[in-house]
Full PDB file with SEQRES, HELIX, SHEET, SSBOND, CRYST1, ORIGX, SCALE, CONECT and MASTER records, all heavy atoms in Angstrom:
SEQRES   1 A   33  PRO TYR THR GLN GLY LEU PHE ARG SER MET PRO LYS LEU          
SEQRES   2 A   33  GLY VAL LYS HIS GLU ARG LEU GLU THR ILE PRO GLY MET          
SEQRES   3 A   33  VAL PRO ALA PRO GLY ARG PHE                                  
HELIX    1 AA1 TYR A    2  ARG A    8  1                                   7    
HELIX    2 AA2 PRO A   30  ARG A   32  5                                   3    
CRYST1    1.000    1.000    1.000  90.00  90.00  90.00 P 1           1          
ORIGX1      1.000000  0.000000  0.000000        0.00000                         
ORIGX2      0.000000  1.000000  0.000000        0.00000                         
ORIGX3      0.000000  0.000000  1.000000        0.00000                         
SCALE1      1.000000  0.000000  0.000000        0.00000                         
SCALE2      0.000000  1.000000  0.000000        0.00000                         
SCALE3      0.000000  0.000000  1.000000        0.00000                         
ATOM      1  N   PRO A   1       2.459   3.407 -10.466  1.00  0.00           N  
ATOM      2  CA  PRO A   1       2.121   2.204  -9.684  1.00  0.00           C  
ATOM      3  C   PRO A   1       2.262   2.398  -8.172  1.00  0.00           C  
ATOM      4  O   PRO A   1       1.503   1.798  -7.402  1.00  0.00           O  
ATOM      5  CB  PRO A   1       3.119   1.159 -10.188  1.00  0.00           C  
ATOM      6  CG  PRO A   1       3.457   1.609 -11.569  1.00  0.00           C  
ATOM      7  CD  PRO A   1       3.424   3.113 -11.533  1.00  0.00           C  
ATOM      8  N   TYR A   2       3.201   3.231  -7.754  1.00  0.00           N  
ATOM      9  CA  TYR A   2       3.344   3.486  -6.315  1.00  0.00           C  
ATOM     10  C   TYR A   2       2.126   4.237  -5.779  1.00  0.00           C  
ATOM     11  O   TYR A   2       1.581   3.882  -4.731  1.00  0.00           O  
ATOM     12  CB  TYR A   2       4.623   4.279  -6.054  1.00  0.00           C  
ATOM     13  CG  TYR A   2       4.800   4.662  -4.599  1.00  0.00           C  
ATOM     14  CD1 TYR A   2       4.912   3.694  -3.618  1.00  0.00           C  
ATOM     15  CD2 TYR A   2       4.842   6.004  -4.203  1.00  0.00           C  
ATOM     16  CE1 TYR A   2       5.075   4.026  -2.281  1.00  0.00           C  
ATOM     17  CE2 TYR A   2       5.005   6.347  -2.882  1.00  0.00           C  
ATOM     18  CZ  TYR A   2       5.116   5.353  -1.922  1.00  0.00           C  
ATOM     19  OH  TYR A   2       5.264   5.702  -0.597  1.00  0.00           O  
ATOM     20  N   THR A   3       1.693   5.282  -6.487  1.00  0.00           N  
ATOM     21  CA  THR A   3       0.506   6.024  -6.068  1.00  0.00           C  
ATOM     22  C   THR A   3      -0.713   5.109  -6.050  1.00  0.00           C  
ATOM     23  O   THR A   3      -1.532   5.151  -5.127  1.00  0.00           O  
ATOM     24  CB  THR A   3       0.247   7.214  -7.010  1.00  0.00           C  
ATOM     25  OG1 THR A   3       1.458   7.946  -7.201  1.00  0.00           O  
ATOM     26  CG2 THR A   3      -0.802   8.143  -6.436  1.00  0.00           C  
ATOM     27  N   GLN A   4      -0.846   4.283  -7.065  1.00  0.00           N  
ATOM     28  CA  GLN A   4      -1.961   3.327  -7.112  1.00  0.00           C  
ATOM     29  C   GLN A   4      -1.919   2.386  -5.913  1.00  0.00           C  
ATOM     30  O   GLN A   4      -2.955   2.063  -5.324  1.00  0.00           O  
ATOM     31  CB  GLN A   4      -1.906   2.536  -8.421  1.00  0.00           C  
ATOM     32  CG  GLN A   4      -2.145   3.395  -9.660  1.00  0.00           C  
ATOM     33  CD  GLN A   4      -1.824   2.668 -10.956  1.00  0.00           C  
ATOM     34  OE1 GLN A   4      -1.332   1.541 -10.934  1.00  0.00           O  
ATOM     35  NE2 GLN A   4      -2.098   3.317 -12.086  1.00  0.00           N  
ATOM     36  N   GLY A   5      -0.716   1.946  -5.538  1.00  0.00           N  
ATOM     37  CA  GLY A   5      -0.575   1.083  -4.372  1.00  0.00           C  
ATOM     38  C   GLY A   5      -0.979   1.770  -3.084  1.00  0.00           C  
ATOM     39  O   GLY A   5      -1.594   1.154  -2.206  1.00  0.00           O  
ATOM     40  N   LEU A   6      -0.646   3.060  -2.961  1.00  0.00           N  
ATOM     41  CA  LEU A   6      -1.046   3.807  -1.770  1.00  0.00           C  
ATOM     42  C   LEU A   6      -2.565   3.873  -1.654  1.00  0.00           C  
ATOM     43  O   LEU A   6      -3.133   3.707  -0.572  1.00  0.00           O  
ATOM     44  CB  LEU A   6      -0.468   5.226  -1.817  1.00  0.00           C  
ATOM     45  CG  LEU A   6       1.045   5.382  -1.668  1.00  0.00           C  
ATOM     46  CD1 LEU A   6       1.441   6.854  -1.767  1.00  0.00           C  
ATOM     47  CD2 LEU A   6       1.526   4.812  -0.336  1.00  0.00           C  
ATOM     48  N   PHE A   7      -3.240   4.108  -2.775  1.00  0.00           N  
ATOM     49  CA  PHE A   7      -4.702   4.186  -2.751  1.00  0.00           C  
ATOM     50  C   PHE A   7      -5.334   2.825  -2.435  1.00  0.00           C  
ATOM     51  O   PHE A   7      -6.332   2.751  -1.723  1.00  0.00           O  
ATOM     52  CB  PHE A   7      -5.228   4.730  -4.079  1.00  0.00           C  
ATOM     53  CG  PHE A   7      -5.165   6.222  -4.188  1.00  0.00           C  
ATOM     54  CD1 PHE A   7      -4.190   6.842  -4.952  1.00  0.00           C  
ATOM     55  CD2 PHE A   7      -6.069   7.017  -3.513  1.00  0.00           C  
ATOM     56  CE1 PHE A   7      -4.114   8.224  -5.044  1.00  0.00           C  
ATOM     57  CE2 PHE A   7      -6.004   8.404  -3.601  1.00  0.00           C  
ATOM     58  CZ  PHE A   7      -5.040   9.009  -4.366  1.00  0.00           C  
ATOM     59  N   ARG A   8      -4.751   1.750  -2.969  1.00  0.00           N  
ATOM     60  CA  ARG A   8      -5.303   0.420  -2.698  1.00  0.00           C  
ATOM     61  C   ARG A   8      -5.151   0.023  -1.238  1.00  0.00           C  
ATOM     62  O   ARG A   8      -5.912  -0.799  -0.731  1.00  0.00           O  
ATOM     63  CB  ARG A   8      -4.624  -0.631  -3.589  1.00  0.00           C  
ATOM     64  CG  ARG A   8      -5.059  -0.585  -5.046  1.00  0.00           C  
ATOM     65  CD  ARG A   8      -4.651  -1.866  -5.761  1.00  0.00           C  
ATOM     66  NE  ARG A   8      -3.207  -2.042  -5.762  1.00  0.00           N  
ATOM     67  CZ  ARG A   8      -2.402  -1.605  -6.720  1.00  0.00           C  
ATOM     68  NH1 ARG A   8      -2.908  -0.970  -7.776  1.00  0.00           N  
ATOM     69  NH2 ARG A   8      -1.103  -1.817  -6.659  1.00  0.00           N  
ATOM     70  N   SER A   9      -4.170   0.609  -0.559  1.00  0.00           N  
ATOM     71  CA  SER A   9      -3.925   0.245   0.841  1.00  0.00           C  
ATOM     72  C   SER A   9      -4.801   1.025   1.819  1.00  0.00           C  
ATOM     73  O   SER A   9      -4.706   0.815   3.031  1.00  0.00           O  
ATOM     74  CB  SER A   9      -2.451   0.479   1.186  1.00  0.00           C  
ATOM     75  OG  SER A   9      -2.138   1.867   1.157  1.00  0.00           O  
ATOM     76  N   MET A  10      -5.639   1.916   1.314  1.00  0.00           N  
ATOM     77  CA  MET A  10      -6.512   2.714   2.179  1.00  0.00           C  
ATOM     78  C   MET A  10      -7.808   1.968   2.475  1.00  0.00           C  
ATOM     79  O   MET A  10      -8.377   1.330   1.577  1.00  0.00           O  
ATOM     80  CB  MET A  10      -6.845   4.055   1.522  1.00  0.00           C  
ATOM     81  CG  MET A  10      -5.694   5.009   1.382  1.00  0.00           C  
ATOM     82  SD  MET A  10      -6.226   6.514   0.511  1.00  0.00           S  
ATOM     83  CE  MET A  10      -7.449   7.157   1.657  1.00  0.00           C  
ATOM     84  N   PRO A  11      -8.319   2.036   3.713  1.00  0.00           N  
ATOM     85  CA  PRO A  11      -9.641   1.463   4.000  1.00  0.00           C  
ATOM     86  C   PRO A  11     -10.718   2.180   3.195  1.00  0.00           C  
ATOM     87  O   PRO A  11     -10.625   3.373   2.937  1.00  0.00           O  
ATOM     88  CB  PRO A  11      -9.820   1.724   5.505  1.00  0.00           C  
ATOM     89  CG  PRO A  11      -8.464   2.034   6.030  1.00  0.00           C  
ATOM     90  CD  PRO A  11      -7.701   2.643   4.897  1.00  0.00           C  
ATOM     91  N   LYS A  12     -11.740   1.432   2.786  1.00  0.00           N  
ATOM     92  CA  LYS A  12     -12.825   1.994   1.976  1.00  0.00           C  
ATOM     93  C   LYS A  12     -14.092   2.083   2.803  1.00  0.00           C  
ATOM     94  O   LYS A  12     -14.481   1.124   3.472  1.00  0.00           O  
ATOM     95  CB  LYS A  12     -13.046   1.141   0.731  1.00  0.00           C  
ATOM     96  CG  LYS A  12     -11.843   1.097  -0.198  1.00  0.00           C  
ATOM     97  CD  LYS A  12     -12.080   0.153  -1.368  1.00  0.00           C  
ATOM     98  CE  LYS A  12     -10.866   0.135  -2.298  1.00  0.00           C  
ATOM     99  NZ  LYS A  12      -9.658  -0.373  -1.623  1.00  0.00           N  
ATOM    100  N   LEU A  13     -14.730   3.236   2.761  1.00  0.00           N  
ATOM    101  CA  LEU A  13     -15.944   3.464   3.517  1.00  0.00           C  
ATOM    102  C   LEU A  13     -17.052   2.519   3.038  1.00  0.00           C  
ATOM    103  O   LEU A  13     -17.321   2.399   1.842  1.00  0.00           O  
ATOM    104  CB  LEU A  13     -16.394   4.918   3.348  1.00  0.00           C  
ATOM    105  CG  LEU A  13     -17.541   5.398   4.242  1.00  0.00           C  
ATOM    106  CD1 LEU A  13     -17.123   5.378   5.697  1.00  0.00           C  
ATOM    107  CD2 LEU A  13     -17.971   6.808   3.833  1.00  0.00           C  
ATOM    108  N   GLY A  14     -17.685   1.834   3.973  1.00  0.00           N  
ATOM    109  CA  GLY A  14     -18.799   0.958   3.644  1.00  0.00           C  
ATOM    110  C   GLY A  14     -18.404  -0.456   3.264  1.00  0.00           C  
ATOM    111  O   GLY A  14     -19.268  -1.310   3.052  1.00  0.00           O  
ATOM    112  N   VAL A  15     -17.092  -0.727   3.145  1.00  0.00           N  
ATOM    113  CA  VAL A  15     -16.623  -2.067   2.808  1.00  0.00           C  
ATOM    114  C   VAL A  15     -16.178  -2.767   4.078  1.00  0.00           C  
ATOM    115  O   VAL A  15     -15.292  -2.281   4.790  1.00  0.00           O  
ATOM    116  CB  VAL A  15     -15.454  -2.013   1.792  1.00  0.00           C  
ATOM    117  CG1 VAL A  15     -14.951  -3.427   1.497  1.00  0.00           C  
ATOM    118  CG2 VAL A  15     -15.903  -1.323   0.521  1.00  0.00           C  
ATOM    119  N   LYS A  16     -16.803  -3.908   4.391  1.00  0.00           N  
ATOM    120  CA  LYS A  16     -16.514  -4.618   5.627  1.00  0.00           C  
ATOM    121  C   LYS A  16     -15.735  -5.903   5.344  1.00  0.00           C  
ATOM    122  O   LYS A  16     -15.921  -6.546   4.312  1.00  0.00           O  
ATOM    123  CB  LYS A  16     -17.812  -4.963   6.357  1.00  0.00           C  
ATOM    124  CG  LYS A  16     -18.630  -3.752   6.799  1.00  0.00           C  
ATOM    125  CD  LYS A  16     -19.882  -4.201   7.530  1.00  0.00           C  
ATOM    126  CE  LYS A  16     -20.708  -2.992   7.985  1.00  0.00           C  
ATOM    127  NZ  LYS A  16     -21.941  -3.399   8.691  1.00  0.00           N  
ATOM    128  N   HIS A  17     -14.872  -6.233   6.286  1.00  0.00           N  
ATOM    129  CA  HIS A  17     -14.168  -7.514   6.284  1.00  0.00           C  
ATOM    130  C   HIS A  17     -13.331  -7.731   5.024  1.00  0.00           C  
ATOM    131  O   HIS A  17     -13.165  -8.839   4.570  1.00  0.00           O  
ATOM    132  CB  HIS A  17     -15.167  -8.678   6.444  1.00  0.00           C  
ATOM    133  CG  HIS A  17     -16.130  -8.491   7.569  1.00  0.00           C  
ATOM    134  ND1 HIS A  17     -15.716  -8.347   8.874  1.00  0.00           N  
ATOM    135  CD2 HIS A  17     -17.489  -8.400   7.582  1.00  0.00           C  
ATOM    136  CE1 HIS A  17     -16.777  -8.192   9.654  1.00  0.00           C  
ATOM    137  NE2 HIS A  17     -17.869  -8.205   8.899  1.00  0.00           N  
ATOM    138  N   GLU A  18     -12.881  -6.658   4.441  1.00  0.00           N  
ATOM    139  CA  GLU A  18     -12.009  -6.788   3.271  1.00  0.00           C  
ATOM    140  C   GLU A  18     -10.571  -6.542   3.699  1.00  0.00           C  
ATOM    141  O   GLU A  18     -10.249  -5.526   4.309  1.00  0.00           O  
ATOM    142  CB  GLU A  18     -12.409  -5.778   2.191  1.00  0.00           C  
ATOM    143  CG  GLU A  18     -11.520  -5.863   0.950  1.00  0.00           C  
ATOM    144  CD  GLU A  18     -11.922  -4.855  -0.119  1.00  0.00           C  
ATOM    145  OE1 GLU A  18     -13.127  -4.722  -0.388  1.00  0.00           O  
ATOM    146  OE2 GLU A  18     -11.025  -4.199  -0.676  1.00  0.00           O  
ATOM    147  N   ARG A  19      -9.703  -7.480   3.373  1.00  0.00           N  
ATOM    148  CA  ARG A  19      -8.298  -7.336   3.732  1.00  0.00           C  
ATOM    149  C   ARG A  19      -7.650  -6.249   2.873  1.00  0.00           C  
ATOM    150  O   ARG A  19      -7.790  -6.245   1.644  1.00  0.00           O  
ATOM    151  CB  ARG A  19      -7.560  -8.657   3.525  1.00  0.00           C  
ATOM    152  CG  ARG A  19      -6.115  -8.637   4.009  1.00  0.00           C  
ATOM    153  CD  ARG A  19      -5.473 -10.006   3.837  1.00  0.00           C  
ATOM    154  NE  ARG A  19      -4.108  -9.996   4.308  1.00  0.00           N  
ATOM    155  CZ  ARG A  19      -3.735 -10.172   5.566  1.00  0.00           C  
ATOM    156  NH1 ARG A  19      -4.664 -10.391   6.490  1.00  0.00           N  
ATOM    157  NH2 ARG A  19      -2.469 -10.154   5.915  1.00  0.00           N  
ATOM    158  N   LEU A  20      -6.960  -5.333   3.532  1.00  0.00           N  
ATOM    159  CA  LEU A  20      -6.310  -4.248   2.796  1.00  0.00           C  
ATOM    160  C   LEU A  20      -5.124  -4.783   2.006  1.00  0.00           C  
ATOM    161  O   LEU A  20      -4.391  -5.662   2.467  1.00  0.00           O  
ATOM    162  CB  LEU A  20      -5.830  -3.162   3.759  1.00  0.00           C  
ATOM    163  CG  LEU A  20      -6.905  -2.395   4.531  1.00  0.00           C  
ATOM    164  CD1 LEU A  20      -6.239  -1.403   5.480  1.00  0.00           C  
ATOM    165  CD2 LEU A  20      -7.841  -1.667   3.589  1.00  0.00           C  
ATOM    166  N   GLU A  21      -4.951  -4.245   0.815  1.00  0.00           N  
ATOM    167  CA  GLU A  21      -3.776  -4.588   0.024  1.00  0.00           C  
ATOM    168  C   GLU A  21      -2.563  -3.849   0.555  1.00  0.00           C  
ATOM    169  O   GLU A  21      -2.670  -2.748   1.110  1.00  0.00           O  
ATOM    170  CB  GLU A  21      -3.999  -4.223  -1.444  1.00  0.00           C  
ATOM    171  CG  GLU A  21      -5.069  -5.039  -2.135  1.00  0.00           C  
ATOM    172  CD  GLU A  21      -5.111  -4.768  -3.631  1.00  0.00           C  
ATOM    173  OE1 GLU A  21      -4.022  -4.638  -4.227  1.00  0.00           O  
ATOM    174  OE2 GLU A  21      -6.218  -4.678  -4.184  1.00  0.00           O  
ATOM    175  N   THR A  22      -1.418  -4.432   0.410  1.00  0.00           N  
ATOM    176  CA  THR A  22      -0.176  -3.802   0.856  1.00  0.00           C  
ATOM    177  C   THR A  22       0.806  -3.732  -0.306  1.00  0.00           C  
ATOM    178  O   THR A  22       0.700  -4.493  -1.278  1.00  0.00           O  
ATOM    179  CB  THR A  22       0.471  -4.586   2.014  1.00  0.00           C  
ATOM    180  OG1 THR A  22       0.769  -5.918   1.566  1.00  0.00           O  
ATOM    181  CG2 THR A  22      -0.454  -4.650   3.213  1.00  0.00           C  
ATOM    182  N   ILE A  23       1.745  -2.811  -0.187  1.00  0.00           N  
ATOM    183  CA  ILE A  23       2.846  -2.741  -1.150  1.00  0.00           C  
ATOM    184  C   ILE A  23       3.970  -3.597  -0.586  1.00  0.00           C  
ATOM    185  O   ILE A  23       4.451  -3.333   0.521  1.00  0.00           O  
ATOM    186  CB  ILE A  23       3.325  -1.288  -1.346  1.00  0.00           C  
ATOM    187  CG1 ILE A  23       2.173  -0.400  -1.818  1.00  0.00           C  
ATOM    188  CG2 ILE A  23       4.470  -1.241  -2.346  1.00  0.00           C  
ATOM    189  CD1 ILE A  23       2.536   1.065  -1.890  1.00  0.00           C  
ATOM    190  N   PRO A  24       4.375  -4.652  -1.267  1.00  0.00           N  
ATOM    191  CA  PRO A  24       5.408  -5.537  -0.712  1.00  0.00           C  
ATOM    192  C   PRO A  24       6.736  -4.809  -0.527  1.00  0.00           C  
ATOM    193  O   PRO A  24       7.041  -3.833  -1.210  1.00  0.00           O  
ATOM    194  CB  PRO A  24       5.529  -6.644  -1.761  1.00  0.00           C  
ATOM    195  CG  PRO A  24       5.035  -6.030  -3.034  1.00  0.00           C  
ATOM    196  CD  PRO A  24       3.966  -5.062  -2.623  1.00  0.00           C  
ATOM    197  N   GLY A  25       7.531  -5.294   0.429  1.00  0.00           N  
ATOM    198  CA  GLY A  25       8.856  -4.738   0.649  1.00  0.00           C  
ATOM    199  C   GLY A  25       8.829  -3.422   1.407  1.00  0.00           C  
ATOM    200  O   GLY A  25       7.827  -3.034   2.004  1.00  0.00           O  
ATOM    201  N   MET A  26       9.945  -2.721   1.382  1.00  0.00           N  
ATOM    202  CA  MET A  26      10.110  -1.471   2.118  1.00  0.00           C  
ATOM    203  C   MET A  26      10.785  -0.431   1.233  1.00  0.00           C  
ATOM    204  O   MET A  26      11.423  -0.769   0.227  1.00  0.00           O  
ATOM    205  CB  MET A  26      10.961  -1.698   3.373  1.00  0.00           C  
ATOM    206  CG  MET A  26      10.355  -2.652   4.379  1.00  0.00           C  
ATOM    207  SD  MET A  26      11.434  -2.911   5.801  1.00  0.00           S  
ATOM    208  CE  MET A  26      11.460  -1.258   6.487  1.00  0.00           C  
ATOM    209  N   VAL A  27      10.644   0.833   1.637  1.00  0.00           N  
ATOM    210  CA  VAL A  27      11.373   1.905   0.937  1.00  0.00           C  
ATOM    211  C   VAL A  27      12.869   1.641   1.102  1.00  0.00           C  
ATOM    212  O   VAL A  27      13.348   1.466   2.222  1.00  0.00           O  
ATOM    213  CB  VAL A  27      11.019   3.280   1.519  1.00  0.00           C  
ATOM    214  CG1 VAL A  27      11.825   4.376   0.830  1.00  0.00           C  
ATOM    215  CG2 VAL A  27       9.537   3.555   1.388  1.00  0.00           C  
ATOM    216  N   PRO A  28      13.627   1.590   0.013  1.00  0.00           N  
ATOM    217  CA  PRO A  28      15.064   1.313   0.145  1.00  0.00           C  
ATOM    218  C   PRO A  28      15.802   2.464   0.817  1.00  0.00           C  
ATOM    219  O   PRO A  28      15.423   3.627   0.686  1.00  0.00           O  
ATOM    220  CB  PRO A  28      15.520   1.135  -1.311  1.00  0.00           C  
ATOM    221  CG  PRO A  28      14.526   1.920  -2.116  1.00  0.00           C  
ATOM    222  CD  PRO A  28      13.215   1.792  -1.386  1.00  0.00           C  
ATOM    223  N   ALA A  29      16.844   2.131   1.544  1.00  0.00           N  
ATOM    224  CA  ALA A  29      17.677   3.152   2.177  1.00  0.00           C  
ATOM    225  C   ALA A  29      18.421   3.935   1.105  1.00  0.00           C  
ATOM    226  O   ALA A  29      18.748   3.385   0.036  1.00  0.00           O  
ATOM    227  CB  ALA A  29      18.664   2.494   3.132  1.00  0.00           C  
ATOM    228  N   PRO A  30      18.698   5.229   1.347  1.00  0.00           N  
ATOM    229  CA  PRO A  30      19.348   6.049   0.314  1.00  0.00           C  
ATOM    230  C   PRO A  30      20.659   5.489  -0.207  1.00  0.00           C  
ATOM    231  O   PRO A  30      21.006   5.707  -1.363  1.00  0.00           O  
ATOM    232  CB  PRO A  30      19.562   7.389   1.032  1.00  0.00           C  
ATOM    233  CG  PRO A  30      18.479   7.436   2.052  1.00  0.00           C  
ATOM    234  CD  PRO A  30      18.302   6.030   2.522  1.00  0.00           C  
ATOM    235  N   GLY A  31      21.385   4.762   0.625  1.00  0.00           N  
ATOM    236  CA  GLY A  31      22.652   4.196   0.158  1.00  0.00           C  
ATOM    237  C   GLY A  31      22.492   2.899  -0.590  1.00  0.00           C  
ATOM    238  O   GLY A  31      23.480   2.331  -1.084  1.00  0.00           O  
ATOM    239  N   ARG A  32      21.249   2.400  -0.693  1.00  0.00           N  
ATOM    240  CA  ARG A  32      21.029   1.097  -1.331  1.00  0.00           C  
ATOM    241  C   ARG A  32      19.901   1.158  -2.359  1.00  0.00           C  
ATOM    242  O   ARG A  32      19.139   0.209  -2.508  1.00  0.00           O  
ATOM    243  CB  ARG A  32      20.699   0.050  -0.257  1.00  0.00           C  
ATOM    244  CG  ARG A  32      21.816  -0.152   0.753  1.00  0.00           C  
ATOM    245  CD  ARG A  32      21.431  -1.161   1.806  1.00  0.00           C  
ATOM    246  NE  ARG A  32      22.498  -1.348   2.781  1.00  0.00           N  
ATOM    247  CZ  ARG A  32      22.397  -2.135   3.863  1.00  0.00           C  
ATOM    248  NH1 ARG A  32      21.262  -2.789   4.091  1.00  0.00           N  
ATOM    249  NH2 ARG A  32      23.404  -2.252   4.702  1.00  0.00           N  
ATOM    250  N   PHE A  33      19.792   2.266  -3.050  1.00  0.00           N  
ATOM    251  CA  PHE A  33      18.774   2.363  -4.088  1.00  0.00           C  
ATOM    252  C   PHE A  33      19.077   1.353  -5.197  1.00  0.00           C  
ATOM    253  O   PHE A  33      20.229   1.205  -5.617  1.00  0.00           O  
ATOM    254  CB  PHE A  33      18.733   3.767  -4.689  1.00  0.00           C  
ATOM    255  CG  PHE A  33      18.117   4.796  -3.788  1.00  0.00           C  
ATOM    256  CD1 PHE A  33      18.522   6.127  -3.859  1.00  0.00           C  
ATOM    257  CD2 PHE A  33      17.122   4.466  -2.879  1.00  0.00           C  
ATOM    258  CE1 PHE A  33      17.951   7.092  -3.040  1.00  0.00           C  
ATOM    259  CE2 PHE A  33      16.544   5.424  -2.065  1.00  0.00           C  
ATOM    260  CZ  PHE A  33      16.966   6.728  -2.140  1.00  0.00           C  
TER     261      PHE A  33                                                      
MASTER        0    0    0    2    0    0    0    6  260    1    0    3          
END                                                                             
């Protein structure tokens, strides 16, 4: 699912005015996994 999220967040050639999807939240800090 993380890899899929990375691909969904990429701009697509030829697609106009489409809002990019984002992965919610942030990468957790190593001390707070």
